[in-house]
Amino acid sequence: MLILTPLLGVTWIFGVLQLDQISGIVFSYFFDIANGLQGVFIFITQCLQEDDVKVFLKQKTARGRVGNTNTTGVSG
């Protein structure tokens, strides 16, 4: 919550500042970029930082290094 609240608030500050006619286009770009990156930041902070996800990813990458085996049973 401490990470996401400023992230969501800053984007809407850019949204309000884009209403100005003189510098509106600049803040419009900032607003669009910040809103586009919100999903990335939420994914990193809420998904990848979870302990269960870290353990799963470590197990998955460790198994991937051993090598791929043919599990279909069909030899070719």
PDB file of N, CA and C in Angstrom:
ATOM      1  N   MET A   1       0.820  -1.182   0.000  1.00  0.00           N
ATOM      2  CA  MET A   1       0.000   0.000   0.000  1.00  0.00           C
ATOM      3  C   MET A   1       0.877   1.264   0.000  1.00  0.00           C
ATOM      4  N   LEU A   2       1.993   1.208   0.711  1.00  0.00           N
ATOM      5  CA  LEU A   2       2.877   2.365   0.770  1.00  0.00           C
ATOM      6  C   LEU A   2       3.549   2.636  -0.570  1.00  0.00           C
ATOM      7  N   ILE A   3       3.703   1.604  -1.372  1.00  0.00           N
ATOM      8  CA  ILE A   3       4.330   1.783  -2.682  1.00  0.00           C
ATOM      9  C   ILE A   3       3.306   2.201  -3.732  1.00  0.00           C
ATOM     10  N   LEU A   4       2.127   1.581  -3.690  1.00  0.00           N
ATOM     11  CA  LEU A   4       1.146   1.819  -4.741  1.00  0.00           C
ATOM     12  C   LEU A   4       0.408   3.144  -4.604  1.00  0.00           C
ATOM     13  N   THR A   5       0.191   3.617  -3.390  1.00  0.00           N
ATOM     14  CA  THR A   5      -0.544   4.869  -3.209  1.00  0.00           C
ATOM     15  C   THR A   5       0.174   6.048  -3.854  1.00  0.00           C
ATOM     16  N   PRO A   6       1.467   6.264  -3.608  1.00  0.00           N
ATOM     17  CA  PRO A   6       2.137   7.373  -4.323  1.00  0.00           C
ATOM     18  C   PRO A   6       2.175   7.162  -5.831  1.00  0.00           C
ATOM     19  N   LEU A   7       2.332   5.916  -6.260  1.00  0.00           N
ATOM     20  CA  LEU A   7       2.382   5.642  -7.689  1.00  0.00           C
ATOM     21  C   LEU A   7       1.071   6.033  -8.360  1.00  0.00           C
ATOM     22  N   LEU A   8      -0.042   5.666  -7.761  1.00  0.00           N
ATOM     23  CA  LEU A   8      -1.331   6.002  -8.347  1.00  0.00           C
ATOM     24  C   LEU A   8      -1.624   7.493  -8.218  1.00  0.00           C
ATOM     25  N   GLY A   9      -1.201   8.115  -7.125  1.00  0.00           N
ATOM     26  CA  GLY A   9      -1.447   9.535  -6.922  1.00  0.00           C
ATOM     27  C   GLY A   9      -0.648  10.423  -7.850  1.00  0.00           C
ATOM     28  N   VAL A  10       0.598  10.058  -8.108  1.00  0.00           N
ATOM     29  CA  VAL A  10       1.450  10.874  -8.979  1.00  0.00           C
ATOM     30  C   VAL A  10       0.891  10.910 -10.398  1.00  0.00           C
ATOM     31  N   THR A  11       0.365   9.808 -10.859  1.00  0.00           N
ATOM     32  CA  THR A  11      -0.169   9.806 -12.217  1.00  0.00           C
ATOM     33  C   THR A  11      -1.348  10.760 -12.346  1.00  0.00           C
ATOM     34  N   TRP A  12      -2.181  10.837 -11.320  1.00  0.00           N
ATOM     35  CA  TRP A  12      -3.332  11.735 -11.412  1.00  0.00           C
ATOM     36  C   TRP A  12      -2.945  13.185 -11.200  1.00  0.00           C
ATOM     37  N   ILE A  13      -1.816  13.443 -10.558  1.00  0.00           N
ATOM     38  CA  ILE A  13      -1.308  14.822 -10.515  1.00  0.00           C
ATOM     39  C   ILE A  13      -0.951  15.262 -11.933  1.00  0.00           C
ATOM     40  N   PHE A  14      -0.327  14.370 -12.696  1.00  0.00           N
ATOM     41  CA  PHE A  14      -0.042  14.673 -14.098  1.00  0.00           C
ATOM     42  C   PHE A  14      -1.337  14.856 -14.879  1.00  0.00           C
ATOM     43  N   GLY A  15      -2.358  14.069 -14.545  1.00  0.00           N
ATOM     44  CA  GLY A  15      -3.642  14.201 -15.220  1.00  0.00           C
ATOM     45  C   GLY A  15      -4.283  15.551 -14.996  1.00  0.00           C
ATOM     46  N   VAL A  16      -4.198  16.073 -13.778  1.00  0.00           N
ATOM     47  CA  VAL A  16      -4.757  17.396 -13.487  1.00  0.00           C
ATOM     48  C   VAL A  16      -3.915  18.481 -14.152  1.00  0.00           C
ATOM     49  N   LEU A  17      -2.602  18.324 -14.146  1.00  0.00           N
ATOM     50  CA  LEU A  17      -1.733  19.344 -14.736  1.00  0.00           C
ATOM     51  C   LEU A  17      -1.859  19.420 -16.255  1.00  0.00           C
ATOM     52  N   GLN A  18      -2.374  18.370 -16.883  1.00  0.00           N
ATOM     53  CA  GLN A  18      -2.504  18.423 -18.336  1.00  0.00           C
ATOM     54  C   GLN A  18      -3.676  19.306 -18.777  1.00  0.00           C
ATOM     55  N   LEU A  19      -4.499  19.755 -17.839  1.00  0.00           N
ATOM     56  CA  LEU A  19      -5.615  20.629 -18.185  1.00  0.00           C
ATOM     57  C   LEU A  19      -5.149  22.038 -18.551  1.00  0.00           C
ATOM     58  N   ASP A  20      -3.926  22.390 -18.179  1.00  0.00           N
ATOM     59  CA  ASP A  20      -3.365  23.689 -18.536  1.00  0.00           C
ATOM     60  C   ASP A  20      -3.110  23.730 -20.045  1.00  0.00           C
ATOM     61  N   GLN A  21      -3.486  24.819 -20.677  1.00  0.00           N
ATOM     62  CA  GLN A  21      -3.362  24.920 -22.135  1.00  0.00           C
ATOM     63  C   GLN A  21      -1.920  25.033 -22.608  1.00  0.00           C
ATOM     64  N   ILE A  22      -1.052  25.671 -21.813  1.00  0.00           N
ATOM     65  CA  ILE A  22       0.313  25.935 -22.263  1.00  0.00           C
ATOM     66  C   ILE A  22       1.174  24.678 -22.196  1.00  0.00           C
ATOM     67  N   SER A  23       1.207  24.039 -21.032  1.00  0.00           N
ATOM     68  CA  SER A  23       2.071  22.869 -20.865  1.00  0.00           C
ATOM     69  C   SER A  23       1.277  21.568 -20.850  1.00  0.00           C
ATOM     70  N   GLY A  24       0.075  21.597 -21.349  1.00  0.00           N
ATOM     71  CA  GLY A  24      -0.808  20.432 -21.304  1.00  0.00           C
ATOM     72  C   GLY A  24      -0.287  19.235 -22.069  1.00  0.00           C
ATOM     73  N   ILE A  25       0.337  19.456 -23.205  1.00  0.00           N
ATOM     74  CA  ILE A  25       0.806  18.336 -24.025  1.00  0.00           C
ATOM     75  C   ILE A  25       1.938  17.588 -23.330  1.00  0.00           C
ATOM     76  N   VAL A  26       2.805  18.301 -22.627  1.00  0.00           N
ATOM     77  CA  VAL A  26       3.925  17.671 -21.926  1.00  0.00           C
ATOM     78  C   VAL A  26       3.395  16.793 -20.800  1.00  0.00           C
ATOM     79  N   PHE A  27       2.481  17.329 -20.004  1.00  0.00           N
ATOM     80  CA  PHE A  27       1.925  16.547 -18.903  1.00  0.00           C
ATOM     81  C   PHE A  27       1.015  15.434 -19.412  1.00  0.00           C
ATOM     82  N   SER A  28       0.458  15.610 -20.590  1.00  0.00           N
ATOM     83  CA  SER A  28      -0.330  14.538 -21.190  1.00  0.00           C
ATOM     84  C   SER A  28       0.551  13.330 -21.493  1.00  0.00           C
ATOM     85  N   TYR A  29       1.751  13.576 -22.007  1.00  0.00           N
ATOM     86  CA  TYR A  29       2.687  12.483 -22.257  1.00  0.00           C
ATOM     87  C   TYR A  29       3.138  11.833 -20.941  1.00  0.00           C
ATOM     88  N   PHE A  30       3.442  12.654 -19.930  1.00  0.00           N
ATOM     89  CA  PHE A  30       3.807  12.097 -18.623  1.00  0.00           C
ATOM     90  C   PHE A  30       2.683  11.248 -18.059  1.00  0.00           C
ATOM     91  N   PHE A  31       1.452  11.729 -18.189  1.00  0.00           N
ATOM     92  CA  PHE A  31       0.284  11.011 -17.693  1.00  0.00           C
ATOM     93  C   PHE A  31       0.130   9.667 -18.406  1.00  0.00           C
ATOM     94  N   ASP A  32       0.276   9.671 -19.712  1.00  0.00           N
ATOM     95  CA  ASP A  32       0.143   8.432 -20.486  1.00  0.00           C
ATOM     96  C   ASP A  32       1.238   7.430 -20.151  1.00  0.00           C
ATOM     97  N   ILE A  33       2.468   7.897 -20.040  1.00  0.00           N
ATOM     98  CA  ILE A  33       3.585   7.002 -19.722  1.00  0.00           C
ATOM     99  C   ILE A  33       3.437   6.437 -18.316  1.00  0.00           C
ATOM    100  N   ALA A  34       3.086   7.288 -17.357  1.00  0.00           N
ATOM    101  CA  ALA A  34       2.929   6.832 -15.973  1.00  0.00           C
ATOM    102  C   ALA A  34       1.784   5.834 -15.852  1.00  0.00           C
ATOM    103  N   ASN A  35       0.669   6.080 -16.529  1.00  0.00           N
ATOM    104  CA  ASN A  35      -0.442   5.128 -16.490  1.00  0.00           C
ATOM    105  C   ASN A  35      -0.084   3.824 -17.193  1.00  0.00           C
ATOM    106  N   GLY A  36       0.703   3.907 -18.230  1.00  0.00           N
ATOM    107  CA  GLY A  36       1.123   2.690 -18.922  1.00  0.00           C
ATOM    108  C   GLY A  36       2.060   1.831 -18.091  1.00  0.00           C
ATOM    109  N   LEU A  37       2.862   2.466 -17.249  1.00  0.00           N
ATOM    110  CA  LEU A  37       3.806   1.718 -16.421  1.00  0.00           C
ATOM    111  C   LEU A  37       3.200   1.231 -15.100  1.00  0.00           C
ATOM    112  N   GLN A  38       2.002   1.670 -14.780  1.00  0.00           N
ATOM    113  CA  GLN A  38       1.375   1.241 -13.528  1.00  0.00           C
ATOM    114  C   GLN A  38       1.235  -0.272 -13.457  1.00  0.00           C
ATOM    115  N   GLY A  39       0.824  -0.882 -14.534  1.00  0.00           N
ATOM    116  CA  GLY A  39       0.659  -2.330 -14.545  1.00  0.00           C
ATOM    117  C   GLY A  39       1.972  -3.058 -14.306  1.00  0.00           C
ATOM    118  N   VAL A  40       3.041  -2.545 -14.875  1.00  0.00           N
ATOM    119  CA  VAL A  40       4.359  -3.147 -14.679  1.00  0.00           C
ATOM    120  C   VAL A  40       4.777  -3.049 -13.221  1.00  0.00           C
ATOM    121  N   PHE A  41       4.608  -1.870 -12.616  1.00  0.00           N
ATOM    122  CA  PHE A  41       4.985  -1.688 -11.222  1.00  0.00           C
ATOM    123  C   PHE A  41       4.127  -2.533 -10.290  1.00  0.00           C
ATOM    124  N   ILE A  42       2.841  -2.636 -10.577  1.00  0.00           N
ATOM    125  CA  ILE A  42       1.966  -3.476  -9.751  1.00  0.00           C
ATOM    126  C   ILE A  42       2.375  -4.933  -9.878  1.00  0.00           C
ATOM    127  N   PHE A  43       2.705  -5.378 -11.087  1.00  0.00           N
ATOM    128  CA  PHE A  43       3.138  -6.761 -11.282  1.00  0.00           C
ATOM    129  C   PHE A  43       4.424  -7.048 -10.510  1.00  0.00           C
ATOM    130  N   ILE A  44       5.368  -6.125 -10.568  1.00  0.00           N
ATOM    131  CA  ILE A  44       6.638  -6.334  -9.864  1.00  0.00           C
ATOM    132  C   ILE A  44       6.443  -6.334  -8.363  1.00  0.00           C
ATOM    133  N   THR A  45       5.715  -5.335  -7.853  1.00  0.00           N
ATOM    134  CA  THR A  45       5.599  -5.201  -6.398  1.00  0.00           C
ATOM    135  C   THR A  45       4.645  -6.208  -5.782  1.00  0.00           C
ATOM    136  N   GLN A  46       3.595  -6.589  -6.486  1.00  0.00           N
ATOM    137  CA  GLN A  46       2.600  -7.465  -5.877  1.00  0.00           C
ATOM    138  C   GLN A  46       2.766  -8.930  -6.268  1.00  0.00           C
ATOM    139  N   CYS A  47       3.386  -9.203  -7.393  1.00  0.00           N
ATOM    140  CA  CYS A  47       3.531 -10.596  -7.837  1.00  0.00           C
ATOM    141  C   CYS A  47       4.949 -11.117  -7.646  1.00  0.00           C
ATOM    142  N   LEU A  48       5.915 -10.462  -8.242  1.00  0.00           N
ATOM    143  CA  LEU A  48       7.272 -10.978  -8.216  1.00  0.00           C
ATOM    144  C   LEU A  48       7.943 -10.863  -6.859  1.00  0.00           C
ATOM    145  N   GLN A  49       7.479  -9.989  -5.998  1.00  0.00           N
ATOM    146  CA  GLN A  49       8.085  -9.834  -4.679  1.00  0.00           C
ATOM    147  C   GLN A  49       7.514 -10.811  -3.646  1.00  0.00           C
ATOM    148  N   GLU A  50       6.513 -11.597  -3.992  1.00  0.00           N
ATOM    149  CA  GLU A  50       5.943 -12.580  -3.079  1.00  0.00           C
ATOM    150  C   GLU A  50       6.906 -13.755  -2.918  1.00  0.00           C
ATOM    151  N   ASP A  51       7.024 -14.250  -1.696  1.00  0.00           N
ATOM    152  CA  ASP A  51       7.962 -15.341  -1.410  1.00  0.00           C
ATOM    153  C   ASP A  51       7.595 -16.616  -2.158  1.00  0.00           C
ATOM    154  N   ASP A  52       6.296 -16.941  -2.249  1.00  0.00           N
ATOM    155  CA  ASP A  52       5.873 -18.147  -2.955  1.00  0.00           C
ATOM    156  C   ASP A  52       6.251 -18.089  -4.433  1.00  0.00           C
ATOM    157  N   VAL A  53       6.108 -16.946  -5.033  1.00  0.00           N
ATOM    158  CA  VAL A  53       6.442 -16.788  -6.447  1.00  0.00           C
ATOM    159  C   VAL A  53       7.946 -16.902  -6.657  1.00  0.00           C
ATOM    160  N   LYS A  54       8.732 -16.313  -5.756  1.00  0.00           N
ATOM    161  CA  LYS A  54      10.191 -16.412  -5.866  1.00  0.00           C
ATOM    162  C   LYS A  54      10.654 -17.856  -5.792  1.00  0.00           C
ATOM    163  N   VAL A  55      10.090 -18.638  -4.845  1.00  0.00           N
ATOM    164  CA  VAL A  55      10.459 -20.040  -4.699  1.00  0.00           C
ATOM    165  C   VAL A  55      10.075 -20.815  -5.955  1.00  0.00           C
ATOM    166  N   PHE A  56       8.869 -20.573  -6.475  1.00  0.00           N
ATOM    167  CA  PHE A  56       8.418 -21.266  -7.675  1.00  0.00           C
ATOM    168  C   PHE A  56       9.331 -20.956  -8.866  1.00  0.00           C
ATOM    169  N   LEU A  57       9.674 -19.691  -9.039  1.00  0.00           N
ATOM    170  CA  LEU A  57      10.531 -19.320 -10.170  1.00  0.00           C
ATOM    171  C   LEU A  57      11.929 -19.914 -10.041  1.00  0.00           C
ATOM    172  N   LYS A  58      12.449 -19.987  -8.817  1.00  0.00           N
ATOM    173  CA  LYS A  58      13.761 -20.611  -8.624  1.00  0.00           C
ATOM    174  C   LYS A  58      13.713 -22.087  -8.957  1.00  0.00           C
ATOM    175  N   GLN A  59      12.642 -22.779  -8.537  1.00  0.00           N
ATOM    176  CA  GLN A  59      12.495 -24.196  -8.849  1.00  0.00           C
ATOM    177  C   GLN A  59      12.341 -24.405 -10.343  1.00  0.00           C
ATOM    178  N   LYS A  60      11.554 -23.551 -10.972  1.00  0.00           N
ATOM    179  CA  LYS A  60      11.297 -23.692 -12.405  1.00  0.00           C
ATOM    180  C   LYS A  60      12.576 -23.471 -13.216  1.00  0.00           C
ATOM    181  N   THR A  61      13.378 -22.474 -12.855  1.00  0.00           N
ATOM    182  CA  THR A  61      14.609 -22.225 -13.599  1.00  0.00           C
ATOM    183  C   THR A  61      15.657 -23.285 -13.299  1.00  0.00           C
ATOM    184  N   ALA A  62      15.656 -23.845 -12.097  1.00  0.00           N
ATOM    185  CA  ALA A  62      16.617 -24.901 -11.771  1.00  0.00           C
ATOM    186  C   ALA A  62      16.314 -26.156 -12.575  1.00  0.00           C
ATOM    187  N   ARG A  63      15.042 -26.475 -12.760  1.00  0.00           N
ATOM    188  CA  ARG A  63      14.676 -27.641 -13.567  1.00  0.00           C
ATOM    189  C   ARG A  63      14.974 -27.411 -15.036  1.00  0.00           C
ATOM    190  N   GLY A  64      14.859 -26.190 -15.497  1.00  0.00           N
ATOM    191  CA  GLY A  64      15.104 -25.882 -16.902  1.00  0.00           C
ATOM    192  C   GLY A  64      16.562 -26.011 -17.281  1.00  0.00           C
ATOM    193  N   ARG A  65      17.462 -25.867 -16.323  1.00  0.00           N
ATOM    194  CA  ARG A  65      18.894 -25.960 -16.615  1.00  0.00           C
ATOM    195  C   ARG A  65      19.363 -27.400 -16.778  1.00  0.00           C
ATOM    196  N   VAL A  66      18.659 -28.341 -16.167  1.00  0.00           N
ATOM    197  CA  VAL A  66      19.066 -29.738 -16.224  1.00  0.00           C
ATOM    198  C   VAL A  66      18.985 -30.247 -17.659  1.00  0.00           C
ATOM    199  N   GLY A  67      17.996 -29.830 -18.377  1.00  0.00           N
ATOM    200  CA  GLY A  67      17.838 -30.254 -19.762  1.00  0.00           C
ATOM    201  C   GLY A  67      16.423 -30.716 -19.999  1.00  0.00           C
ATOM    202  N   ASN A  68      16.035 -30.658 -21.222  1.00  0.00           N
ATOM    203  CA  ASN A  68      14.683 -31.083 -21.587  1.00  0.00           C
ATOM    204  C   ASN A  68      14.712 -32.564 -21.925  1.00  0.00           C
ATOM    205  N   THR A  69      13.706 -33.278 -21.449  1.00  0.00           N
ATOM    206  CA  THR A  69      13.570 -34.686 -21.778  1.00  0.00           C
ATOM    207  C   THR A  69      12.328 -34.866 -22.604  1.00  0.00           C
ATOM    208  N   ASN A  70      12.340 -35.888 -23.422  1.00  0.00           N
ATOM    209  CA  ASN A  70      11.191 -36.178 -24.275  1.00  0.00           C
ATOM    210  C   ASN A  70      10.153 -36.900 -23.427  1.00  0.00           C
ATOM    211  N   THR A  71       9.049 -36.252 -23.145  1.00  0.00           N
ATOM    212  CA  THR A  71       8.015 -36.845 -22.292  1.00  0.00           C
ATOM    213  C   THR A  71       6.838 -37.375 -23.098  1.00  0.00           C
ATOM    214  N   THR A  72       6.878 -37.275 -24.400  1.00  0.00           N
ATOM    215  CA  THR A  72       5.754 -37.740 -25.192  1.00  0.00           C
ATOM    216  C   THR A  72       5.800 -39.240 -25.421  1.00  0.00           C
ATOM    217  N   GLY A  73       6.923 -39.863 -25.255  1.00  0.00           N
ATOM    218  CA  GLY A  73       7.034 -41.303 -25.447  1.00  0.00           C
ATOM    219  C   GLY A  73       7.240 -41.687 -26.893  1.00  0.00           C
ATOM    220  N   VAL A  74       7.310 -40.743 -27.782  1.00  0.00           N
ATOM    221  CA  VAL A  74       7.497 -41.018 -29.200  1.00  0.00           C
ATOM    222  C   VAL A  74       8.953 -40.784 -29.527  1.00  0.00           C
ATOM    223  N   SER A  75       9.584 -41.805 -30.060  1.00  0.00           N
ATOM    224  CA  SER A  75      10.978 -41.624 -30.443  1.00  0.00           C
ATOM    225  C   SER A  75      11.033 -41.235 -31.910  1.00  0.00           C
ATOM    226  N   GLY A  76      12.023 -40.441 -32.231  1.00  0.00           N
ATOM    227  CA  GLY A  76      12.020 -39.950 -33.595  1.00  0.00           C
ATOM    228  C   GLY A  76      13.283 -39.978 -34.196  1.00  0.00           C
TER     229      GLY A  76
END
